[in-house]
């Protein structure tokens, strides 16, 4: 699974003029399931998101996690994270999971996040979303959790 984390002061997602999720300080988590991903990759990705130390401590060092600071999560599906641009000017998305599997893994990721963290908001899978954010820092961190390779 691929994720792009943005440390935010605030963020919201709108679909057709209605807000589907809104947070204050925390992380905007853009997430994409790729072919071959399963629940194990979603679990490992969530553990990394929750424990990644990208918030400042008292000394101004990035030494605290979203859990440490009591920040919120805004989780948004974004299959375009799987873009392959090596073949020219039009990206290919062949590595993205099929829509049904992508939705299943996204829903699983959100369910597990809600079980592990007190403040989780979301976008809407496969919708045309407008994402508004105030990036804090700016701090933007890519994460990729790959399935194990066969021997």
Protein backbone atom coordinates (compact mmCIF):
# COMPACT_ATOMS: atom_id res chain seq x y z
CA UNK A 1 0.00 0.00 0.00
CA UNK A 2 1.07 3.53 -0.68
CA UNK A 3 0.37 6.53 1.48
CA UNK A 4 1.23 10.19 1.43
CA UNK A 5 1.06 11.85 4.85
CA UNK A 6 0.69 15.58 5.23
CA UNK A 7 0.99 17.13 8.66
CA UNK A 8 -1.82 19.68 8.76
CA UNK A 9 -3.14 22.44 10.95
CA UNK A 10 -6.56 21.75 9.47
CA UNK A 11 -8.04 19.84 6.55
CA UNK A 12 -11.41 18.96 5.06
CA UNK A 13 -12.85 16.99 2.17
CA UNK A 14 -15.88 18.08 0.16
CA UNK A 15 -17.95 16.00 -2.23
CA UNK A 16 -20.60 17.81 -4.29
CA UNK A 17 -20.51 20.76 -1.90
CA UNK A 18 -20.93 18.75 1.32
CA UNK A 19 -18.16 18.16 3.84
CA UNK A 20 -17.48 14.44 4.34
CA UNK A 21 -14.62 14.89 6.80
CA UNK A 22 -12.96 17.72 8.68
CA UNK A 23 -10.08 17.79 11.16
CA UNK A 24 -7.98 20.30 13.04
CA UNK A 25 -4.35 19.52 13.78
CA UNK A 26 -3.24 16.07 12.67
CA UNK A 27 -2.52 14.09 9.52
CA UNK A 28 -4.11 14.05 6.10
CA UNK A 29 -3.55 10.44 5.01
CA UNK A 30 -3.85 9.83 1.28
CA UNK A 31 -3.94 6.07 0.74
CA UNK A 32 -3.84 3.70 -2.25
CA UNK A 33 -4.06 -0.07 -2.42
CA UNK A 34 -1.92 -1.73 -5.06
CA UNK A 35 -2.24 -5.11 -6.75
CA UNK A 36 -1.16 -7.83 -4.35
CA UNK A 37 -1.94 -5.84 -1.20
CA UNK A 38 -3.94 -7.47 1.59
CA UNK A 39 -4.99 -6.74 5.16
CA UNK A 40 -1.43 -7.34 6.39
CA UNK A 41 -0.14 -4.39 4.36
CA UNK A 42 -3.00 -2.19 5.58
CA UNK A 43 -2.22 -3.13 9.20
CA UNK A 44 1.50 -2.41 8.76
CA UNK A 45 0.76 0.91 7.05
CA UNK A 46 -1.61 1.99 9.81
CA UNK A 47 0.96 1.11 12.48
CA UNK A 48 3.53 3.28 10.69
CA UNK A 49 1.07 6.18 10.29
CA UNK A 50 0.16 6.15 13.98
CA UNK A 51 3.73 5.87 15.26
CA UNK A 52 5.66 8.00 12.75
CA UNK A 53 7.35 10.78 14.72
CA UNK A 54 6.75 13.88 12.59
CA UNK A 55 5.35 16.29 15.19
CA UNK A 56 7.61 18.59 17.18
CA UNK A 57 8.50 18.03 20.81
CA UNK A 58 9.29 20.77 23.35
CA UNK A 59 12.74 21.24 21.79
CA UNK A 60 11.32 21.68 18.28
CA UNK A 61 12.55 18.26 17.08
CA UNK A 62 10.28 15.94 15.11
CA UNK A 63 9.98 13.42 17.90
CA UNK A 64 6.24 12.91 18.52
CA UNK A 65 3.60 10.86 16.72
CA UNK A 66 0.03 11.81 15.89
CA UNK A 67 -0.98 9.67 18.87
CA UNK A 68 1.47 11.48 21.16
CA UNK A 69 0.04 14.89 20.26
CA UNK A 70 -3.63 13.82 20.18
CA UNK A 71 -3.95 14.77 16.51
CA UNK A 72 -6.72 13.66 14.18
CA UNK A 73 -6.60 11.60 10.99
CA UNK A 74 -8.35 12.50 7.73
CA UNK A 75 -8.11 9.41 5.51
CA UNK A 76 -8.70 9.89 1.79
CA UNK A 77 -8.53 7.24 -0.93
CA UNK A 78 -6.30 8.25 -3.83
CA UNK A 79 -5.57 5.63 -6.49
CA UNK A 80 -3.38 8.11 -8.38
CA UNK A 81 -0.60 7.44 -5.86
CA UNK A 82 0.02 4.29 -7.92
CA UNK A 83 0.79 6.35 -11.04
CA UNK A 84 3.59 5.08 -13.24
CA UNK A 85 4.98 7.91 -15.36
CA UNK A 86 7.96 6.08 -16.84
CA UNK A 87 6.16 5.43 -20.15
CA UNK A 88 5.54 8.99 -21.21
CA UNK A 89 3.32 11.94 -20.41
CA UNK A 90 0.13 10.03 -19.60
CA UNK A 91 0.34 8.16 -16.28
CA UNK A 92 -0.55 4.48 -16.10
CA UNK A 93 -2.45 3.19 -13.08
CA UNK A 94 -2.10 -0.53 -13.76
CA UNK A 95 -0.43 -1.14 -10.38
CA UNK A 96 -3.46 0.19 -8.48
CA UNK A 97 -5.74 -2.45 -7.03
CA UNK A 98 -8.96 -3.10 -8.94
CA UNK A 99 -11.74 -0.76 -7.71
CA UNK A 100 -13.61 -3.44 -5.72
CA UNK A 101 -10.42 -4.61 -3.97
CA UNK A 102 -9.26 -1.02 -3.47
CA UNK A 103 -12.55 -0.17 -1.76
CA UNK A 104 -12.37 -3.27 0.43
CA UNK A 105 -8.84 -2.44 1.61
CA UNK A 106 -9.65 1.25 2.06
CA UNK A 107 -12.70 0.36 4.17
CA UNK A 108 -10.60 -2.10 6.17
CA UNK A 109 -7.89 0.54 6.73
CA UNK A 110 -10.49 3.07 7.94
CA UNK A 111 -12.16 0.50 10.21
CA UNK A 112 -8.83 -0.44 11.80
CA UNK A 113 -7.88 3.24 12.16
CA UNK A 114 -11.15 3.97 13.96
CA UNK A 115 -10.52 1.04 16.30
CA UNK A 116 -7.00 2.29 17.12
CA UNK A 117 -7.39 6.09 17.14
CA UNK A 118 -10.06 8.34 18.68
CA UNK A 119 -10.47 10.94 15.90
CA UNK A 120 -10.74 9.60 12.35
CA UNK A 121 -12.55 11.33 9.50
CA UNK A 122 -12.71 10.29 5.84
CA UNK A 123 -13.26 11.26 2.28
CA UNK A 124 -15.55 9.21 0.04
CA UNK A 125 -14.14 6.31 -1.97
CA UNK A 126 -14.18 6.84 -5.77
CA UNK A 127 -15.82 10.28 -5.48
CA UNK A 128 -14.69 13.50 -7.11
CA UNK A 129 -13.33 15.13 -3.95
CA UNK A 130 -11.98 18.56 -3.20
CA UNK A 131 -9.37 18.38 -0.48
CA UNK A 132 -8.59 21.57 1.42
CA UNK A 133 -5.66 21.70 3.80
CA UNK A 134 -3.21 23.92 5.60
CA UNK A 135 0.03 21.95 5.46
CA UNK A 136 1.97 22.44 8.70
CA UNK A 137 5.69 22.91 8.11
CA UNK A 138 5.23 21.91 5.33
CA UNK A 139 5.75 18.27 6.27
CA UNK A 140 4.86 15.69 3.61
CA UNK A 141 6.03 12.09 3.98
CA UNK A 142 5.56 9.23 1.47
CA UNK A 143 5.16 5.70 2.85
CA UNK A 144 5.06 2.43 0.92
CA UNK A 145 4.38 -0.95 2.46
CA UNK A 146 4.97 -3.71 -0.07
CA UNK A 147 3.65 -7.25 0.19
CA UNK A 148 6.30 -9.87 0.92
CA UNK A 149 7.99 -11.25 -2.16
CA UNK A 150 7.79 -14.95 -2.93
CA UNK A 151 11.03 -16.92 -2.42
